[in-house]
Amino acid sequence: MSDDVTTRADAALERALEETGARDPREFYRERLKELRQHDSAAYATAVSYYKETLLPSIADGGAAPLDAWTEYGRVLAEAVTPGQTVSIDETGRSGPYEGPKGGHLVLHLPDGKGPALLVGLPARLTEPQRATYDVLVAGKLKAK
């Protein structure tokens, strides 16, 4: 992977973040990568390979919408961390199976075992139902503020 591919992919993501007001997903994906590096070197290597060979080139070449491609990468990382089901939470708080990135949806990976849901994708702004879902399933908050 060349520096040019990385530069073009980063620039495309930065433009998408500016245009949509979305939060940069790279910060919470770094946490997933740290988990993988510490606990599963093979899964970590696969995640890094996906990043270099699939994610960045697809964005740099203009074939994928940057935020959608990063959300898909987040799903790949979450599945590598723990088996489970990835779901999409719409603006009303209704969940459904994840069928690819959709604007305005909160995307969570629900582990098969114990543990909090893993954040995969955030909309630019969480609705109240999405915030409540996030607070309970990801942050573990059981009381309203």
C-alpha atoms as a PDB file:
ATOM      1  CA  MET A   1       0.000   0.000   0.000  1.00  0.00           C
ATOM      2  CA  SER A   2       1.439   3.342  -0.998  1.00  0.00           C
ATOM      3  CA  ASP A   3       1.424   6.561   0.976  1.00  0.00           C
ATOM      4  CA  ASP A   4      -0.605   8.054  -1.888  1.00  0.00           C
ATOM      5  CA  VAL A   5      -3.462   5.595  -1.240  1.00  0.00           C
ATOM      6  CA  THR A   6      -3.444   6.458   2.453  1.00  0.00           C
ATOM      7  CA  THR A   7      -3.342  10.191   1.743  1.00  0.00           C
ATOM      8  CA  ARG A   8      -6.241  10.033  -0.735  1.00  0.00           C
ATOM      9  CA  ALA A   9      -8.333   7.824   1.575  1.00  0.00           C
ATOM     10  CA  ASP A  10      -7.686  10.098   4.563  1.00  0.00           C
ATOM     11  CA  ALA A  11      -8.580  13.183   2.529  1.00  0.00           C
ATOM     12  CA  ALA A  12     -11.829  11.572   1.348  1.00  0.00           C
ATOM     13  CA  LEU A  13     -12.751  10.666   4.928  1.00  0.00           C
ATOM     14  CA  GLU A  14     -11.963  14.177   6.155  1.00  0.00           C
ATOM     15  CA  ARG A  15     -14.227  15.655   3.442  1.00  0.00           C
ATOM     16  CA  ALA A  16     -17.034  13.257   4.374  1.00  0.00           C
ATOM     17  CA  LEU A  17     -16.694  14.147   8.055  1.00  0.00           C
ATOM     18  CA  GLU A  18     -16.853  17.863   7.269  1.00  0.00           C
ATOM     19  CA  GLU A  19     -19.866  17.461   4.962  1.00  0.00           C
ATOM     20  CA  THR A  20     -21.890  15.289   7.340  1.00  0.00           C
ATOM     21  CA  GLY A  21     -20.762  16.448  10.755  1.00  0.00           C
ATOM     22  CA  ALA A  22     -20.195  12.803  11.661  1.00  0.00           C
ATOM     23  CA  ARG A  23     -17.768  11.782  14.354  1.00  0.00           C
ATOM     24  CA  ASP A  24     -14.451  10.329  13.207  1.00  0.00           C
ATOM     25  CA  PRO A  25     -14.815   6.550  13.653  1.00  0.00           C
ATOM     26  CA  ARG A  26     -11.080   5.866  13.765  1.00  0.00           C
ATOM     27  CA  GLU A  27     -10.785   6.689  17.463  1.00  0.00           C
ATOM     28  CA  PHE A  28     -13.079   3.901  18.679  1.00  0.00           C
ATOM     29  CA  TYR A  29     -11.765   1.426  16.094  1.00  0.00           C
ATOM     30  CA  ARG A  30      -8.271   1.901  17.511  1.00  0.00           C
ATOM     31  CA  GLU A  31      -9.560   0.417  20.770  1.00  0.00           C
ATOM     32  CA  ARG A  32     -10.773  -2.679  18.917  1.00  0.00           C
ATOM     33  CA  LEU A  33      -7.364  -3.023  17.258  1.00  0.00           C
ATOM     34  CA  LYS A  34      -5.612  -2.755  20.624  1.00  0.00           C
ATOM     35  CA  GLU A  35      -7.838  -5.532  21.988  1.00  0.00           C
ATOM     36  CA  LEU A  36      -7.058  -7.731  19.027  1.00  0.00           C
ATOM     37  CA  ARG A  37      -3.320  -7.086  19.201  1.00  0.00           C
ATOM     38  CA  GLN A  38      -3.300  -8.077  22.887  1.00  0.00           C
ATOM     39  CA  HIS A  39      -5.563 -11.124  22.678  1.00  0.00           C
ATOM     40  CA  ASP A  40      -5.573 -12.550  19.150  1.00  0.00           C
ATOM     41  CA  SER A  41      -2.582 -11.894  16.919  1.00  0.00           C
ATOM     42  CA  ALA A  42      -4.080 -13.774  13.951  1.00  0.00           C
ATOM     43  CA  ALA A  43      -7.291 -11.714  14.059  1.00  0.00           C
ATOM     44  CA  TYR A  44      -5.190  -8.568  14.444  1.00  0.00           C
ATOM     45  CA  ALA A  45      -3.170  -9.459  11.341  1.00  0.00           C
ATOM     46  CA  THR A  46      -6.394 -10.087   9.403  1.00  0.00           C
ATOM     47  CA  ALA A  47      -7.813  -6.719  10.512  1.00  0.00           C
ATOM     48  CA  VAL A  48      -4.644  -4.884   9.487  1.00  0.00           C
ATOM     49  CA  SER A  49      -4.656  -6.677   6.146  1.00  0.00           C
ATOM     50  CA  TYR A  50      -8.301  -5.684   5.545  1.00  0.00           C
ATOM     51  CA  TYR A  51      -7.398  -2.087   6.394  1.00  0.00           C
ATOM     52  CA  LYS A  52      -4.478  -2.000   3.959  1.00  0.00           C
ATOM     53  CA  GLU A  53      -5.842  -4.147   1.141  1.00  0.00           C
ATOM     54  CA  THR A  54      -9.582  -3.440   1.200  1.00  0.00           C
ATOM     55  CA  LEU A  55     -10.573  -0.383   3.230  1.00  0.00           C
ATOM     56  CA  LEU A  56      -8.071   2.246   2.133  1.00  0.00           C
ATOM     57  CA  PRO A  57      -7.950   1.287  -1.570  1.00  0.00           C
ATOM     58  CA  SER A  58     -11.763   1.213  -1.826  1.00  0.00           C
ATOM     59  CA  ILE A  59     -11.968   4.754  -0.462  1.00  0.00           C
ATOM     60  CA  ALA A  60      -8.931   6.122  -2.311  1.00  0.00           C
ATOM     61  CA  ASP A  61     -10.206   4.823  -5.646  1.00  0.00           C
ATOM     62  CA  GLY A  62     -13.608   6.424  -5.084  1.00  0.00           C
ATOM     63  CA  GLY A  63     -15.411   3.078  -5.181  1.00  0.00           C
ATOM     64  CA  ALA A  64     -16.768   3.306  -1.653  1.00  0.00           C
ATOM     65  CA  ALA A  65     -18.317   6.089   0.376  1.00  0.00           C
ATOM     66  CA  PRO A  66     -15.759   6.766   3.127  1.00  0.00           C
ATOM     67  CA  LEU A  67     -18.110   6.627   6.108  1.00  0.00           C
ATOM     68  CA  ASP A  68     -19.825   3.499   4.810  1.00  0.00           C
ATOM     69  CA  ALA A  69     -16.487   1.779   4.236  1.00  0.00           C
ATOM     70  CA  TRP A  70     -15.306   2.675   7.729  1.00  0.00           C
ATOM     71  CA  THR A  71     -18.560   1.408   9.264  1.00  0.00           C
ATOM     72  CA  GLU A  72     -18.059  -1.894   7.481  1.00  0.00           C
ATOM     73  CA  TYR A  73     -14.499  -2.025   8.818  1.00  0.00           C
ATOM     74  CA  GLY A  74     -15.897  -1.440  12.301  1.00  0.00           C
ATOM     75  CA  ARG A  75     -18.187  -4.427  11.828  1.00  0.00           C
ATOM     76  CA  VAL A  76     -15.243  -6.562  10.701  1.00  0.00           C
ATOM     77  CA  LEU A  77     -13.298  -5.509  13.809  1.00  0.00           C
ATOM     78  CA  ALA A  78     -16.198  -6.168  16.180  1.00  0.00           C
ATOM     79  CA  GLU A  79     -16.738  -9.655  14.768  1.00  0.00           C
ATOM     80  CA  ALA A  80     -13.030 -10.354  15.154  1.00  0.00           C
ATOM     81  CA  VAL A  81     -13.160  -9.308  18.818  1.00  0.00           C
ATOM     82  CA  THR A  82     -16.173 -11.430  19.737  1.00  0.00           C
ATOM     83  CA  PRO A  83     -18.758 -13.564  17.964  1.00  0.00           C
ATOM     84  CA  GLY A  84     -22.192 -12.045  17.928  1.00  0.00           C
ATOM     85  CA  GLN A  85     -24.763 -10.220  15.863  1.00  0.00           C
ATOM     86  CA  THR A  86     -24.440  -6.757  14.371  1.00  0.00           C
ATOM     87  CA  VAL A  87     -27.623  -4.699  14.474  1.00  0.00           C
ATOM     88  CA  SER A  88     -28.748  -1.348  13.172  1.00  0.00           C
ATOM     89  CA  ILE A  89     -30.777   0.995  15.395  1.00  0.00           C
ATOM     90  CA  ASP A  90     -32.930   3.488  13.488  1.00  0.00           C
ATOM     91  CA  GLU A  91     -33.915   6.970  14.647  1.00  0.00           C
ATOM     92  CA  THR A  92     -36.942   5.630  16.548  1.00  0.00           C
ATOM     93  CA  GLY A  93     -34.861   3.134  18.521  1.00  0.00           C
ATOM     94  CA  ARG A  94     -36.029   0.103  16.553  1.00  0.00           C
ATOM     95  CA  SER A  95     -33.378  -2.486  15.881  1.00  0.00           C
ATOM     96  CA  GLY A  96     -32.994  -4.728  12.909  1.00  0.00           C
ATOM     97  CA  PRO A  97     -30.305  -6.870  11.360  1.00  0.00           C
ATOM     98  CA  TYR A  98     -27.339  -4.955  10.006  1.00  0.00           C
ATOM     99  CA  GLU A  99     -27.620  -4.890   6.241  1.00  0.00           C
ATOM    100  CA  GLY A 100     -24.927  -2.359   5.512  1.00  0.00           C
ATOM    101  CA  PRO A 101     -24.390   1.221   6.559  1.00  0.00           C
ATOM    102  CA  LYS A 102     -27.430   3.492   6.564  1.00  0.00           C
ATOM    103  CA  GLY A 103     -27.316   7.184   7.305  1.00  0.00           C
ATOM    104  CA  GLY A 104     -28.832   8.075  10.640  1.00  0.00           C
ATOM    105  CA  HIS A 105     -28.478   4.588  12.123  1.00  0.00           C
ATOM    106  CA  LEU A 106     -26.592   3.574  15.233  1.00  0.00           C
ATOM    107  CA  VAL A 107     -24.755   0.298  14.536  1.00  0.00           C
ATOM    108  CA  LEU A 108     -23.890  -2.045  17.413  1.00  0.00           C
ATOM    109  CA  HIS A 109     -22.360  -5.503  17.640  1.00  0.00           C
ATOM    110  CA  LEU A 110     -24.091  -7.607  20.309  1.00  0.00           C
ATOM    111  CA  PRO A 111     -21.784 -10.311  21.702  1.00  0.00           C
ATOM    112  CA  ASP A 112     -23.078 -13.861  21.972  1.00  0.00           C
ATOM    113  CA  GLY A 113     -21.688 -14.064  25.501  1.00  0.00           C
ATOM    114  CA  LYS A 114     -21.430 -11.591  28.312  1.00  0.00           C
ATOM    115  CA  GLY A 115     -20.207  -8.087  27.900  1.00  0.00           C
ATOM    116  CA  PRO A 116     -21.316  -4.762  26.550  1.00  0.00           C
ATOM    117  CA  ALA A 117     -22.305  -4.143  22.958  1.00  0.00           C
ATOM    118  CA  LEU A 118     -19.466  -2.896  20.772  1.00  0.00           C
ATOM    119  CA  LEU A 119     -19.920   0.371  18.961  1.00  0.00           C
ATOM    120  CA  VAL A 120     -19.612  -0.052  15.206  1.00  0.00           C
ATOM    121  CA  GLY A 121     -21.102   3.136  13.767  1.00  0.00           C
ATOM    122  CA  LEU A 122     -22.585   6.389  15.004  1.00  0.00           C
ATOM    123  CA  PRO A 123     -24.892   8.736  13.142  1.00  0.00           C
ATOM    124  CA  ALA A 124     -23.906  12.405  13.056  1.00  0.00           C
ATOM    125  CA  ARG A 125     -26.413  12.991  15.873  1.00  0.00           C
ATOM    126  CA  LEU A 126     -28.002  10.416  18.139  1.00  0.00           C
ATOM    127  CA  THR A 127     -31.750  10.665  18.645  1.00  0.00           C
ATOM    128  CA  GLU A 128     -33.071  10.244  22.192  1.00  0.00           C
ATOM    129  CA  PRO A 129     -34.027   6.577  21.587  1.00  0.00           C
ATOM    130  CA  GLN A 130     -30.600   5.882  20.082  1.00  0.00           C
ATOM    131  CA  ARG A 131     -28.886   7.628  23.014  1.00  0.00           C
ATOM    132  CA  ALA A 132     -30.873   5.502  25.470  1.00  0.00           C
ATOM    133  CA  THR A 133     -29.925   2.347  23.575  1.00  0.00           C
ATOM    134  CA  TYR A 134     -26.266   3.376  23.540  1.00  0.00           C
ATOM    135  CA  ASP A 135     -26.311   4.264  27.240  1.00  0.00           C
ATOM    136  CA  VAL A 136     -27.733   0.884  28.267  1.00  0.00           C
ATOM    137  CA  LEU A 137     -26.043  -1.507  25.837  1.00  0.00           C
ATOM    138  CA  VAL A 138     -22.632   0.108  25.319  1.00  0.00           C
ATOM    139  CA  ALA A 139     -22.021   2.290  28.375  1.00  0.00           C
ATOM    140  CA  GLY A 140     -23.888   0.058  30.833  1.00  0.00           C
ATOM    141  CA  LYS A 141     -25.897   2.915  32.344  1.00  0.00           C
ATOM    142  CA  LEU A 142     -29.083   1.709  33.939  1.00  0.00           C
ATOM    143  CA  LYS A 143     -30.453   5.007  35.256  1.00  0.00           C
ATOM    144  CA  ALA A 144     -31.601   8.029  33.279  1.00  0.00           C
ATOM    145  CA  LYS A 145     -29.788  11.283  33.978  1.00  0.00           C
END
